[in-house]
Protein backbone atom coordinates (compact mmCIF):
# COMPACT_ATOMS: atom_id res chain seq x y z
CA MET A 1 -6.36 16.00 24.08
CA LYS A 2 -3.09 14.84 23.81
CA LYS A 3 -4.03 11.69 26.17
CA ILE A 4 -6.90 11.06 23.63
CA ALA A 5 -4.61 11.49 20.67
CA LEU A 6 -1.93 8.82 22.27
CA PHE A 7 -5.01 6.51 23.30
CA VAL A 8 -6.19 6.60 19.85
CA THR A 9 -3.00 5.81 18.34
CA PHE A 10 -2.61 2.97 20.63
CA ILE A 11 -5.87 1.57 19.58
CA VAL A 12 -5.08 1.80 16.00
CA PHE A 13 -1.71 0.01 16.34
CA MET A 14 -3.06 -2.50 18.26
CA PHE A 15 -5.84 -3.60 16.17
CA SER A 16 -3.49 -2.76 13.10
CA CYS A 17 -0.80 -5.96 14.13
CA LYS A 18 -0.74 -8.28 11.39
CA SER A 19 -2.13 -11.98 12.04
CA THR A 20 -2.50 -14.71 9.68
CA LYS A 21 -4.47 -17.85 10.20
CA VAL A 22 -5.33 -21.08 8.24
CA ALA A 23 -9.30 -21.13 7.59
CA SER A 24 -9.18 -24.52 6.00
CA SER A 25 -6.69 -26.70 4.10
CA TRP A 26 -7.21 -30.20 2.15
CA GLN A 27 -4.25 -32.49 1.04
CA GLU A 28 -4.44 -35.82 -0.71
CA PRO A 29 -4.75 -38.85 1.54
CA GLY A 30 -1.04 -39.93 2.18
CA LYS A 31 0.44 -37.29 0.33
CA GLN A 32 4.23 -36.30 1.17
CA VAL A 33 6.01 -33.74 -0.48
CA ASP A 34 10.11 -33.72 -0.22
CA LEU A 35 11.41 -30.36 -1.06
CA THR A 36 15.39 -31.93 -1.64
CA LYS A 37 13.72 -34.47 -4.39
CA LEU A 38 12.40 -31.80 -6.42
CA ASN A 39 13.83 -30.02 -9.49
CA LYS A 40 11.81 -26.91 -10.14
CA ILE A 41 8.72 -25.35 -8.76
CA LEU A 42 7.14 -22.22 -10.83
CA VAL A 43 5.72 -19.60 -8.25
CA VAL A 44 2.40 -17.83 -9.65
CA ALA A 45 0.69 -15.21 -7.80
CA MET A 46 -2.30 -14.33 -9.70
CA LEU A 47 -2.75 -10.67 -8.65
CA LYS A 48 -3.63 -7.71 -10.42
CA ASN A 49 -1.02 -5.10 -9.50
CA GLU A 50 2.03 -5.96 -11.43
CA ASN A 51 4.75 -4.99 -8.31
CA SER A 52 2.09 -6.86 -6.18
CA ARG A 53 2.52 -10.11 -8.07
CA HIS A 54 6.61 -9.53 -8.39
CA GLN A 55 6.74 -8.48 -4.45
CA ALA A 56 4.53 -12.23 -3.35
CA GLU A 57 6.14 -13.93 -6.13
CA SER A 58 9.23 -13.37 -4.92
CA GLU A 59 8.96 -13.87 -1.34
CA MET A 60 8.07 -17.58 -1.73
CA VAL A 61 10.33 -17.94 -4.23
CA GLY A 62 13.00 -17.19 -1.25
CA PHE A 63 11.29 -20.11 0.64
CA LEU A 64 11.51 -22.94 -1.70
CA LYS A 65 15.89 -23.00 -1.11
CA GLY A 66 16.93 -22.51 -4.84
CA LYS A 67 14.19 -24.62 -6.02
CA GLY A 68 11.56 -21.60 -7.07
CA VAL A 69 11.19 -19.93 -10.28
CA ALA A 70 9.01 -16.73 -10.59
CA SER A 71 6.24 -17.01 -13.05
CA TYR A 72 7.35 -12.95 -13.85
CA ASP A 73 10.69 -14.40 -14.72
CA TYR A 74 9.83 -17.40 -16.50
CA LEU A 75 6.43 -16.41 -18.43
CA LYS A 76 7.11 -13.34 -20.29
CA SER A 77 4.70 -10.85 -21.92
CA ASN A 78 5.25 -12.62 -25.59
CA PHE A 79 4.44 -15.81 -24.11
CA ASN A 80 0.78 -17.00 -25.37
CA ILE A 81 -0.21 -18.40 -21.48
CA SER A 82 -4.05 -18.69 -22.91
CA ASN A 83 -3.24 -21.86 -24.39
CA GLU A 84 -3.86 -24.20 -21.82
CA GLU A 85 -1.94 -27.32 -23.92
CA VAL A 86 1.21 -25.00 -25.09
CA LEU A 87 1.63 -24.06 -21.28
CA ARG A 88 1.22 -28.11 -20.19
CA GLU A 89 3.91 -28.63 -23.03
CA LYS A 90 6.17 -26.01 -21.88
CA ILE A 91 6.31 -26.86 -17.96
CA LYS A 92 6.86 -30.26 -18.68
CA LYS A 93 9.91 -29.78 -21.14
CA ASP A 94 11.66 -26.99 -19.04
CA GLY A 95 11.52 -29.62 -16.20
CA PHE A 96 9.00 -28.43 -13.90
CA ASP A 97 7.41 -30.92 -11.40
CA GLY A 98 5.53 -28.90 -8.95
CA ALA A 99 3.50 -24.98 -8.75
CA ILE A 100 2.45 -22.94 -6.14
CA THR A 101 -0.50 -20.50 -6.79
CA MET A 102 -1.01 -17.63 -4.71
CA ARG A 103 -4.80 -15.84 -5.62
CA LEU A 104 -6.79 -13.20 -3.87
CA LEU A 105 -10.33 -14.38 -3.26
CA ASP A 106 -12.06 -11.66 -1.15
CA VAL A 107 -10.71 -8.29 1.06
CA GLU A 108 -13.27 -8.03 4.11
CA ARG A 109 -14.23 -4.91 5.16
CA GLU A 110 -15.05 -4.13 8.70
CA ARG A 111 -16.01 -0.41 9.87
CA THR A 112 -16.08 -0.03 13.54
CA TYR A 113 -17.46 3.27 15.54
CA THR A 114 -15.58 3.46 19.27
CA LEU A 115 -16.32 6.33 21.61
CA SER A 116 -12.89 7.91 23.42
CA TYR A 117 -12.92 8.09 27.14
CA ILE A 118 -12.10 11.48 28.91
CA GLY A 119 -11.05 11.01 32.85
CA PRO A 120 -8.28 10.04 34.78
CA ASN A 121 -5.73 7.44 34.48
CA GLY A 122 -6.38 3.73 35.44
CA TRP A 123 -9.67 2.06 35.86
CA ASN A 124 -10.81 -0.74 37.97
CA PRO A 125 -13.41 -2.68 36.09
CA ILE A 126 -14.71 -4.27 38.87
CA SER A 127 -15.85 -0.87 40.95
CA PHE A 128 -19.05 0.61 39.75
CA PRO A 129 -18.60 4.20 40.39
CA ASN A 130 -15.47 3.71 38.06
CA TYR A 131 -17.54 1.96 35.47
CA TYR A 132 -20.58 4.62 35.58
CA TYR A 133 -18.00 7.92 35.33
CA ARG A 134 -15.99 6.23 32.59
CA ASN A 135 -19.20 4.90 30.41
CA TRP A 136 -21.35 8.47 31.51
CA PRO A 137 -21.84 10.36 28.02
CA SER A 138 -20.41 13.64 29.04
CA ASN A 139 -17.02 11.99 30.15
CA GLN A 140 -17.08 10.45 26.42
CA GLY A 141 -14.77 12.63 23.78
CA PRO A 142 -15.32 12.62 20.18
CA GLY A 143 -15.32 9.29 18.49
CA TYR A 144 -13.29 7.46 16.05
CA PHE A 145 -13.68 4.93 13.66
CA LEU A 146 -11.39 1.50 13.38
CA ILE A 147 -11.52 0.04 9.80
CA THR A 148 -10.55 -3.79 10.01
CA LYS A 149 -9.65 -5.35 6.70
CA THR A 150 -9.09 -8.70 6.23
CA PHE A 151 -7.12 -10.33 2.81
CA VAL A 152 -8.90 -13.90 2.02
CA VAL A 153 -5.82 -15.58 0.13
CA GLU A 154 -6.04 -19.38 -1.51
CA ILE A 155 -2.61 -21.09 -1.59
CA ALA A 156 -2.71 -24.42 -4.08
CA ILE A 157 -0.06 -26.55 -4.51
CA PHE A 158 0.15 -28.75 -8.16
CA SER A 159 2.14 -31.58 -9.09
CA ILE A 160 3.36 -31.19 -12.94
CA ILE A 161 4.28 -35.01 -12.85
CA GLU A 162 0.72 -36.26 -11.81
CA TYR A 163 -1.13 -33.15 -13.33
CA LYS A 164 -3.17 -32.61 -10.00
CA ILE A 165 -3.33 -30.77 -7.54
CA ILE A 166 -2.57 -31.88 -4.22
CA TRP A 167 -2.80 -29.44 -1.67
CA THR A 168 -4.70 -26.40 -0.94
CA SER A 169 -5.83 -23.97 1.75
CA GLU A 170 -7.63 -20.58 2.57
CA THR A 171 -5.73 -18.07 4.68
CA ARG A 172 -7.11 -15.17 6.43
CA THR A 173 -4.59 -12.01 6.97
CA VAL A 174 -5.90 -9.61 9.63
CA ASN A 175 -4.68 -5.84 8.53
CA PRO A 176 -1.22 -7.11 6.72
CA ASP A 177 1.73 -4.21 6.61
CA GLY A 178 2.39 -4.60 2.65
CA VAL A 179 2.07 -7.50 0.37
CA ASP A 180 5.65 -8.66 1.13
CA LYS A 181 5.39 -8.62 4.81
CA MET A 182 1.61 -10.77 4.37
CA THR A 183 3.09 -13.46 1.98
CA LYS A 184 5.88 -13.96 4.07
CA GLU A 185 3.54 -14.34 6.87
CA ILE A 186 1.29 -16.78 4.91
CA SER A 187 4.37 -18.59 3.81
CA LYS A 188 5.55 -19.17 7.67
CA THR A 189 1.96 -20.13 8.42
CA LEU A 190 1.80 -22.76 6.00
CA TYR A 191 4.76 -24.05 6.12
CA LYS A 192 4.10 -25.11 9.80
CA ARG A 193 0.68 -26.03 8.78
CA MET A 194 2.03 -28.71 6.02
CA VAL A 195 4.75 -30.04 8.64
CA LYS A 196 2.18 -30.43 11.10
CA GLU A 197 -0.07 -32.27 8.97
CA GLY A 198 2.54 -34.61 7.08
CA PHE A 199 2.66 -32.96 3.93
CA LEU A 200 6.13 -31.75 3.74
CA LYS A 201 8.75 -33.54 4.79
CA ARG A 202 11.54 -31.77 6.70
């Protein structure tokens, strides 16, 4: 039973390793952004959980080298965020020239059932006897379920001065280990993508 427990733990660990991929991205043709020439960037994480929102915004602000301002610090509870015109005037007046938003689009769940294997250590996949012995029902222990969660997140970058969206992407992160680590991984992945596409100037 100890071998089965160790095997299951190893499999769960393997499947719980996080990974972020860019599913799609779009940028305004010919557009390039130089962070050194920007004044202030508003960072907004559109998440229902307040703690998750704070973590995500703080993580993204950290990547902006002193240029980022978290919305939870800037748009206080007494500010009327439902008035579009008031918000537009406020961010212009306060010198913002850019905004970055993070929005959770979906959480996809996949449940997979796997049978445990009771048998000698080592397995040669080319050997028929080993394969036969490994897969015979009497040599399989109780099964277990693996649940894979994929977080689909949209990131959008806006030009406050030009009043339009200039870059957007959709990322997919498998089994993230917390909001802060997921945000960090998304930020790193998108940074590399934006540099590669020539959107962000180093």
